[in-house]
Amino acid sequence: MSDSFVKQGLVSVPPPEASIAVLPFLNMSPDPENEYISDGITEEIINSITKVPGLKVIARTSTFALKNTDLDIPEIGQLLGVANVLEGSVRKAGNKLRIAAKLIQCRSRVQLWAKTFDREMEDIFALQDEISLLIADQLRENFGHLHIADHLSNIPTNNVEAYNIYLKARYNHLKWDRTGISNAIELYKEAIKLDPGFSLPYFGIGFSLAMRSAWSSDREKAKEADWYLTEGFKLDGDSYLGHFGKATLCFWANWNFKEGHKHYLRAMELNPSFTEAEEGLAELYRGLGEVELGLQHTDNILRINPLSPNHYYTKGVLHYLRNEYSITLECMEAGLRVDNNFGFCRELAIICLIHLKRLDDLKAFLKKYPEAQKPQEALI
């Protein structure tokens, strides 16, 4: 992620006080391979506090784009459009967990709250819920009324080892490449063997196979995806990941716009910070020719996920369909500032430069990105 984003001042208006970005918790374990645990805990805290009405929560993609950067807290607040950040660390030694967390006000750098938790691994679900509730309560105390439920995080399985393997699967899944997805599917299957009543691995496999079906002509993958999603819904009918996976299967693999629309909306309702679902809805509207509706949704997701190159690409495609090549190019350039290896943005930028007859800029672009002239392989 380029520091140029900060210098360009993407966020020029003061953020709402009831707003937060949960930065990736550092892995302080002796084993660097335990990063999947710190990443998983971070993601669960994000998913939990997004359930608090009136609280702006930055999406995972954007906070994880800041992993291993040296930006200071005020810069992060400006970049993401939030007034507060949560940062922390996780140390796992054997079956013991130590989680340290602190809530910081961006503008003043004032530490609003800090605490260290020592627990056993089997207490991970209660601990995630406790941390999420404490954060929400601190924000309410400092910035006004927020309605907070008794619990923000649920217990998806009573089998800690199955959950541990699920976190490994999710860690691989979110690499978004062919090897990562393949590894994730095998790990999801291991988790199911340990606990057949654990819904999340079913949804993970269902989504992965739905995307693979959409990127190929293999209809058997679509049938298999549907089986896993159906089994998952038997266990949990209110999973945002389940509804997102079902929407992906309906829209991308089966071209069932009506069912896809229904499941995207449900996923958005269940987890407002999971912007991939709203992006899917924008793409569905694009398929229907409803470009203006699509743009309304891409503008909204960039508000809470401003460092997603794919969101800039999706927004740019919608402008491209209106022959707005200059705006499309701006979107592609924004996406490439976040991730200069994002191939879709490179390809559409080239097309826009050709449309705009900016041949000198095209030559410079191809010199900067020589790999853009090579065809992309299927991602997953």
Protein backbone atom coordinates (compact mmCIF):
# COMPACT_ATOMS: atom_id res chain seq x y z
CA MET A 1 0.00 0.00 0.00
CA SER A 2 1.47 3.31 -1.07
CA ASP A 3 2.00 6.15 1.41
CA SER A 4 0.88 8.47 -1.40
CA PHE A 5 -2.66 7.80 -0.27
CA VAL A 6 -2.01 9.82 2.89
CA LYS A 7 -0.35 12.68 1.03
CA GLN A 8 -3.26 12.93 -1.36
CA GLY A 9 -5.67 13.32 1.57
CA LEU A 10 -8.39 10.94 0.48
CA VAL A 11 -10.47 11.88 3.52
CA SER A 12 -10.91 15.63 3.79
CA VAL A 13 -13.93 15.84 6.10
CA PRO A 14 -13.77 15.17 9.86
CA PRO A 15 -14.72 11.57 10.63
CA PRO A 16 -17.66 10.76 12.90
CA GLU A 17 -16.55 10.36 16.51
CA ALA A 18 -18.26 6.96 16.69
CA SER A 19 -15.93 5.40 14.15
CA ILE A 20 -13.15 2.86 14.46
CA ALA A 21 -10.58 0.85 12.53
CA VAL A 22 -9.34 -2.40 14.06
CA LEU A 23 -5.74 -2.75 12.94
CA PRO A 24 -4.27 -6.24 12.44
CA PHE A 25 -3.17 -7.57 15.82
CA LEU A 26 0.53 -8.38 15.90
CA ASN A 27 1.60 -11.99 16.23
CA MET A 28 3.93 -12.02 19.25
CA SER A 29 4.02 -15.82 19.50
CA PRO A 30 7.37 -17.61 19.35
CA ASP A 31 6.12 -19.34 16.20
CA PRO A 32 5.61 -16.92 13.27
CA GLU A 33 3.23 -19.49 11.75
CA ASN A 34 0.71 -18.48 14.43
CA GLU A 35 -0.10 -15.33 12.49
CA TYR A 36 -3.34 -17.00 11.40
CA ILE A 37 -4.54 -16.78 15.01
CA SER A 38 -3.85 -13.06 15.41
CA ASP A 39 -5.44 -12.40 12.00
CA GLY A 40 -8.48 -14.49 12.89
CA ILE A 41 -9.00 -12.75 16.22
CA THR A 42 -8.74 -9.36 14.50
CA GLU A 43 -11.33 -10.33 11.90
CA GLU A 44 -13.74 -11.64 14.54
CA ILE A 45 -13.50 -8.40 16.54
CA ILE A 46 -14.26 -6.42 13.37
CA ASN A 47 -17.25 -8.65 12.63
CA SER A 48 -18.49 -8.33 16.21
CA ILE A 49 -18.37 -4.56 16.65
CA THR A 50 -19.95 -3.97 13.25
CA LYS A 51 -23.15 -5.23 14.89
CA VAL A 52 -23.35 -2.01 16.96
CA PRO A 53 -25.84 0.34 15.24
CA GLY A 54 -24.48 3.81 14.56
CA LEU A 55 -20.83 2.78 14.75
CA LYS A 56 -18.74 3.18 11.60
CA VAL A 57 -16.39 0.20 11.36
CA ILE A 58 -13.74 0.04 8.65
CA ALA A 59 -13.72 -3.20 6.68
CA ARG A 60 -11.04 -5.85 7.08
CA THR A 61 -9.54 -5.37 3.62
CA SER A 62 -8.58 -1.77 4.34
CA THR A 63 -7.16 -2.31 7.82
CA PHE A 64 -5.14 -5.32 6.66
CA ALA A 65 -3.77 -3.23 3.79
CA LEU A 66 -1.92 -1.31 6.51
CA LYS A 67 -0.20 -4.41 7.84
CA ASN A 68 3.55 -3.86 8.22
CA THR A 69 3.32 -0.15 7.37
CA ASP A 70 4.89 2.54 9.53
CA LEU A 71 2.11 5.12 9.33
CA ASP A 72 1.37 6.91 12.58
CA ILE A 73 -2.06 6.98 14.22
CA PRO A 74 -3.22 10.40 12.92
CA GLU A 75 -2.28 9.40 9.37
CA ILE A 76 -4.22 6.15 9.70
CA GLY A 77 -7.23 8.07 10.97
CA GLN A 78 -7.07 10.44 8.00
CA LEU A 79 -6.51 7.63 5.53
CA LEU A 80 -9.42 5.50 6.72
CA GLY A 81 -11.76 8.28 7.82
CA VAL A 82 -12.05 7.25 11.47
CA ALA A 83 -11.67 8.96 14.83
CA ASN A 84 -10.33 5.91 16.70
CA VAL A 85 -8.21 2.84 16.16
CA LEU A 86 -7.81 -0.38 18.08
CA GLU A 87 -4.42 -2.01 17.98
CA GLY A 88 -3.12 -5.01 19.82
CA SER A 89 -1.09 -8.17 19.90
CA VAL A 90 -1.61 -11.89 20.40
CA ARG A 91 0.82 -14.30 21.99
CA LYS A 92 0.08 -18.03 21.97
CA ALA A 93 2.24 -20.38 23.97
CA GLY A 94 0.94 -23.92 24.12
CA ASN A 95 -2.71 -23.66 25.13
CA LYS A 96 -2.33 -20.20 26.64
CA LEU A 97 -3.29 -16.92 25.00
CA ARG A 98 -2.24 -13.41 25.94
CA ILE A 99 -4.05 -10.64 24.10
CA ALA A 100 -3.13 -7.00 24.65
CA ALA A 101 -5.38 -4.31 23.18
CA LYS A 102 -5.57 -0.53 23.33
CA LEU A 103 -8.06 1.97 21.97
CA ILE A 104 -6.52 5.22 20.72
CA GLN A 105 -8.07 8.49 19.58
CA CYS A 106 -6.47 9.29 16.24
CA ARG A 107 -6.29 13.06 16.26
CA SER A 108 -4.89 13.48 19.79
CA ARG A 109 -3.11 10.11 20.10
CA VAL A 110 -4.78 9.83 23.52
CA GLN A 111 -5.11 6.26 24.77
CA LEU A 112 -8.74 5.84 25.77
CA TRP A 113 -8.47 2.30 27.08
CA ALA A 114 -5.98 -0.54 27.37
CA LYS A 115 -6.09 -4.02 28.81
CA THR A 116 -4.20 -7.31 28.72
CA PHE A 117 -6.07 -10.61 28.80
CA ASP A 118 -4.60 -13.96 29.82
CA ARG A 119 -6.79 -16.93 28.91
CA GLU A 120 -6.75 -20.54 27.82
CA MET A 121 -7.28 -21.28 24.12
CA GLU A 122 -10.66 -22.87 24.88
CA ASP A 123 -11.84 -19.48 26.17
CA ILE A 124 -11.19 -17.76 22.83
CA PHE A 125 -14.87 -17.20 21.99
CA ALA A 126 -15.75 -15.63 25.33
CA LEU A 127 -12.58 -13.53 25.12
CA GLN A 128 -13.41 -12.20 21.64
CA ASP A 129 -16.88 -11.26 22.88
CA GLU A 130 -15.49 -9.61 26.01
CA ILE A 131 -13.01 -7.48 24.05
CA SER A 132 -15.66 -6.43 21.52
CA LEU A 133 -18.11 -5.42 24.27
CA LEU A 134 -15.44 -3.45 26.14
CA ILE A 135 -14.48 -1.55 22.98
CA ALA A 136 -18.09 -0.70 22.18
CA ASP A 137 -18.69 0.38 25.78
CA GLN A 138 -15.64 2.66 25.73
CA LEU A 139 -16.82 4.28 22.50
CA ARG A 140 -20.27 4.79 24.01
CA GLU A 141 -18.75 6.30 27.15
CA ASN A 142 -16.61 8.74 25.18
CA PHE A 143 -18.78 9.59 22.19
CA GLY A 144 -22.42 9.26 23.11
CA HIS A 145 -25.21 6.73 22.97
CA LEU A 146 -24.73 3.44 21.19
CA HIS A 147 -27.09 0.51 21.61
CA ILE A 148 -24.98 -2.50 22.53
CA ALA A 149 -26.38 -6.02 22.73
CA ASP A 150 -25.52 -8.36 25.59
CA HIS A 151 -23.27 -10.35 23.28
CA LEU A 152 -21.58 -9.39 20.02
CA SER A 153 -19.66 -12.59 19.27
CA ASN A 154 -21.24 -16.04 19.14
CA ILE A 155 -19.78 -19.48 19.71
CA PRO A 156 -19.60 -21.22 16.31
CA THR A 157 -18.24 -24.53 17.64
CA ASN A 158 -17.39 -26.17 20.94
CA ASN A 159 -14.41 -27.89 19.34
CA VAL A 160 -11.42 -25.58 19.79
CA GLU A 161 -9.22 -27.66 17.47
CA ALA A 162 -11.83 -27.43 14.71
CA TYR A 163 -11.90 -23.65 15.18
CA ASN A 164 -8.11 -23.50 15.13
CA ILE A 165 -8.06 -25.35 11.79
CA TYR A 166 -10.84 -23.09 10.51
CA LEU A 167 -8.69 -20.04 11.30
CA LYS A 168 -5.85 -21.62 9.30
CA ALA A 169 -8.27 -22.22 6.43
CA ARG A 170 -9.55 -18.64 6.53
CA TYR A 171 -5.98 -17.34 6.60
CA ASN A 172 -5.21 -19.28 3.41
CA HIS A 173 -8.57 -18.38 1.85
CA LEU A 174 -7.92 -14.66 2.21
CA LYS A 175 -4.70 -14.88 0.22
CA TRP A 176 -7.08 -14.98 -2.79
CA ASP A 177 -4.86 -17.09 -5.01
CA ARG A 178 -5.21 -20.59 -6.41
CA THR A 179 -2.87 -22.24 -3.93
CA GLY A 180 -4.41 -20.46 -0.97
CA ILE A 181 -7.95 -21.45 -1.95
CA SER A 182 -6.93 -25.08 -2.55
CA ASN A 183 -5.23 -25.24 0.85
CA ALA A 184 -8.24 -23.59 2.45
CA ILE A 185 -10.66 -26.15 1.02
CA GLU A 186 -8.63 -29.04 2.45
CA LEU A 187 -8.42 -27.35 5.85
CA TYR A 188 -12.14 -26.59 5.84
CA LYS A 189 -12.75 -30.30 5.24
CA GLU A 190 -10.50 -31.17 8.20
CA ALA A 191 -12.51 -28.82 10.42
CA ILE A 192 -15.76 -30.46 9.32
CA LYS A 193 -14.38 -33.91 10.18
CA LEU A 194 -13.60 -32.69 13.69
CA ASP A 195 -17.01 -31.05 14.10
CA PRO A 196 -19.68 -31.84 11.48
CA GLY A 197 -21.95 -29.34 13.25
CA PHE A 198 -19.62 -26.38 12.61
CA SER A 199 -21.24 -24.27 9.87
CA LEU A 200 -18.43 -21.91 8.83
CA PRO A 201 -16.23 -24.49 7.03
CA TYR A 202 -19.22 -25.55 4.91
CA PHE A 203 -19.71 -21.94 3.84
CA GLY A 204 -16.00 -21.54 3.13
CA ILE A 205 -15.99 -24.53 0.77
CA GLY A 206 -19.31 -23.49 -0.78
CA PHE A 207 -18.05 -20.03 -1.67
CA SER A 208 -14.72 -21.33 -3.00
CA LEU A 209 -16.38 -23.88 -5.27
CA ALA A 210 -18.98 -21.34 -6.41
CA MET A 211 -16.22 -19.00 -7.56
CA ARG A 212 -14.33 -21.81 -9.26
CA SER A 213 -17.51 -22.79 -11.06
CA ALA A 214 -18.07 -19.19 -12.18
CA TRP A 215 -14.54 -19.03 -13.59
CA SER A 216 -14.92 -22.27 -15.52
CA SER A 217 -17.49 -24.40 -17.31
CA ASP A 218 -17.40 -27.07 -14.59
CA ARG A 219 -21.04 -27.40 -13.53
CA GLU A 220 -20.19 -30.17 -11.08
CA LYS A 221 -18.42 -27.59 -8.93
CA ALA A 222 -21.63 -25.54 -8.83
CA LYS A 223 -23.60 -28.58 -7.66
CA GLU A 224 -20.99 -29.38 -5.04
CA ALA A 225 -20.97 -25.74 -3.88
CA ASP A 226 -24.74 -25.83 -3.49
CA TRP A 227 -24.50 -28.99 -1.37
CA TYR A 228 -22.02 -27.44 1.04
CA LEU A 229 -23.99 -24.20 1.31
CA THR A 230 -27.22 -26.11 1.95
CA GLU A 231 -25.54 -28.15 4.70
CA GLY A 232 -24.19 -24.96 6.24
CA PHE A 233 -27.60 -23.30 6.26
CA LYS A 234 -29.06 -26.32 8.08
CA LEU A 235 -26.70 -25.39 10.92
CA ASP A 236 -26.89 -21.59 10.72
CA GLY A 237 -29.38 -19.71 8.59
CA ASP A 238 -28.05 -16.30 9.62
CA SER A 239 -24.43 -16.42 8.53
CA TYR A 240 -23.30 -13.46 6.44
CA LEU A 241 -20.64 -15.68 4.88
CA GLY A 242 -23.30 -18.26 4.06
CA HIS A 243 -25.54 -15.74 2.33
CA PHE A 244 -22.56 -14.23 0.52
CA GLY A 245 -21.55 -17.67 -0.73
CA LYS A 246 -25.11 -18.40 -1.84
CA ALA A 247 -25.34 -15.05 -3.63
CA THR A 248 -22.05 -15.81 -5.38
CA LEU A 249 -23.35 -19.19 -6.53
CA CYS A 250 -26.70 -17.80 -7.68
CA PHE A 251 -25.36 -14.76 -9.50
CA TRP A 252 -21.90 -15.63 -10.78
CA ALA A 253 -22.26 -19.36 -11.36
CA ASN A 254 -25.97 -19.76 -12.19
CA TRP A 255 -26.94 -16.27 -13.42
CA ASN A 256 -29.94 -16.27 -11.10
CA PHE A 257 -30.14 -12.53 -10.50
CA LYS A 258 -33.25 -12.62 -8.31
CA GLU A 259 -31.86 -15.11 -5.80
CA GLY A 260 -28.43 -13.51 -5.92
CA HIS A 261 -29.98 -10.12 -5.12
CA LYS A 262 -31.85 -11.58 -2.14
CA HIS A 263 -28.80 -13.21 -0.61
CA TYR A 264 -26.51 -10.21 -1.17
CA LEU A 265 -29.01 -8.02 0.69
CA ARG A 266 -29.20 -10.49 3.57
CA ALA A 267 -25.40 -10.69 3.84
CA MET A 268 -25.23 -6.88 3.93
CA GLU A 269 -27.88 -6.76 6.63
CA LEU A 270 -26.04 -9.31 8.77
CA ASN A 271 -22.61 -7.66 8.44
CA PRO A 272 -22.59 -4.04 7.18
CA SER A 273 -18.78 -3.85 7.18
CA PHE A 274 -18.45 -6.88 4.88
CA THR A 275 -18.28 -4.77 1.75
CA GLU A 276 -17.63 -7.68 -0.60
CA ALA A 277 -21.37 -8.43 -0.41
CA GLU A 278 -22.35 -4.90 -1.39
CA GLU A 279 -19.75 -4.97 -4.14
CA GLY A 280 -21.39 -8.15 -5.44
CA LEU A 281 -24.71 -6.31 -5.44
CA ALA A 282 -23.15 -3.47 -7.45
CA GLU A 283 -21.85 -6.00 -9.97
CA LEU A 284 -25.29 -7.58 -10.17
CA TYR A 285 -26.81 -4.17 -10.96
CA ARG A 286 -24.11 -3.73 -13.60
CA GLY A 287 -25.26 -6.97 -15.19
CA LEU A 288 -28.80 -5.59 -15.28
CA GLY A 289 -27.66 -2.33 -16.86
CA GLU A 290 -28.53 -0.38 -13.69
CA VAL A 291 -25.26 1.53 -13.66
CA GLU A 292 -26.43 4.38 -11.43
CA LEU A 293 -27.60 1.96 -8.74
CA GLY A 294 -24.29 0.16 -8.96
CA LEU A 295 -22.37 3.41 -8.48
CA GLN A 296 -24.40 4.28 -5.40
CA HIS A 297 -23.22 1.05 -3.82
CA THR A 298 -19.57 1.35 -4.88
CA ASP A 299 -19.43 4.87 -3.46
CA ASN A 300 -20.81 3.53 -0.18
CA ILE A 301 -18.38 0.63 0.13
CA LEU A 302 -15.39 2.87 -0.55
CA ARG A 303 -16.50 4.96 2.43
CA ILE A 304 -15.86 2.05 4.80
CA ASN A 305 -13.32 0.15 2.72
CA PRO A 306 -11.18 2.81 1.02
CA LEU A 307 -8.15 0.55 0.50
CA SER A 308 -9.73 -2.21 -1.58
CA PRO A 309 -8.28 -2.25 -5.11
CA ASN A 310 -11.14 -4.46 -6.25
CA HIS A 311 -13.70 -1.87 -5.13
CA TYR A 312 -11.96 0.79 -7.23
CA TYR A 313 -11.98 -1.62 -10.15
CA THR A 314 -15.70 -2.32 -9.76
CA LYS A 315 -16.48 1.39 -9.56
CA GLY A 316 -14.28 2.05 -12.59
CA VAL A 317 -16.02 -0.58 -14.71
CA LEU A 318 -19.36 1.11 -14.03
CA HIS A 319 -17.97 4.45 -15.19
CA TYR A 320 -16.45 2.72 -18.22
CA LEU A 321 -19.91 1.54 -19.25
CA ARG A 322 -20.94 5.20 -19.35
CA ASN A 323 -17.93 5.96 -21.59
CA GLU A 324 -16.39 8.00 -18.77
CA TYR A 325 -12.85 6.94 -19.55
CA SER A 326 -11.07 9.65 -17.57
CA ILE A 327 -12.98 8.81 -14.39
CA THR A 328 -12.42 5.10 -15.01
CA LEU A 329 -8.70 5.75 -15.35
CA GLU A 330 -8.69 7.66 -12.05
CA CYS A 331 -10.32 4.66 -10.37
CA MET A 332 -7.73 2.29 -11.83
CA GLU A 333 -4.89 4.54 -10.70
CA ALA A 334 -6.38 4.64 -7.20
CA GLY A 335 -6.57 0.85 -7.13
CA LEU A 336 -2.96 0.55 -8.28
CA ARG A 337 -1.79 2.93 -5.57
CA VAL A 338 -3.18 0.44 -3.07
CA ASP A 339 -1.82 -2.63 -4.89
CA ASN A 340 0.36 -2.08 -7.94
CA ASN A 341 0.12 -5.78 -8.78
CA PHE A 342 -3.65 -5.72 -9.20
CA GLY A 343 -3.91 -6.97 -12.77
CA PHE A 344 -7.53 -6.01 -13.50
CA CYS A 345 -6.75 -2.36 -12.78
CA ARG A 346 -3.70 -2.45 -15.04
CA GLU A 347 -5.67 -3.93 -17.92
CA LEU A 348 -8.56 -1.48 -17.76
CA ALA A 349 -6.16 1.44 -17.36
CA ILE A 350 -4.52 0.42 -20.66
CA ILE A 351 -7.90 0.29 -22.41
CA CYS A 352 -8.80 3.75 -21.09
CA LEU A 353 -5.52 5.26 -22.25
CA ILE A 354 -6.22 3.85 -25.73
CA HIS A 355 -9.74 5.32 -25.73
CA LEU A 356 -8.36 8.68 -24.60
CA LYS A 357 -5.64 8.53 -27.29
CA ARG A 358 -2.98 9.26 -24.66
CA LEU A 359 -0.32 7.24 -26.44
CA ASP A 360 2.68 8.74 -24.65
CA ASP A 361 1.06 7.97 -21.30
CA LEU A 362 0.28 4.48 -22.56
CA LYS A 363 3.94 3.88 -23.43
CA ALA A 364 4.99 5.13 -19.99
CA PHE A 365 2.39 2.92 -18.32
CA LEU A 366 3.55 -0.20 -20.18
CA LYS A 367 7.13 0.61 -19.26
CA LYS A 368 6.12 0.91 -15.61
CA TYR A 369 3.99 -2.26 -15.71
CA PRO A 370 5.56 -4.59 -18.32
CA GLU A 371 3.69 -7.55 -16.83
CA ALA A 372 0.43 -5.89 -17.90
CA GLN A 373 1.08 -7.17 -21.43
CA LYS A 374 0.87 -10.80 -20.26
CA PRO A 375 -2.50 -12.60 -19.99
CA GLN A 376 -3.73 -13.25 -16.46
CA GLU A 377 -4.35 -16.75 -15.19
CA ALA A 378 -7.56 -17.55 -13.35
CA LEU A 379 -7.08 -16.39 -9.78
CA ILE A 380 -8.68 -19.31 -7.97
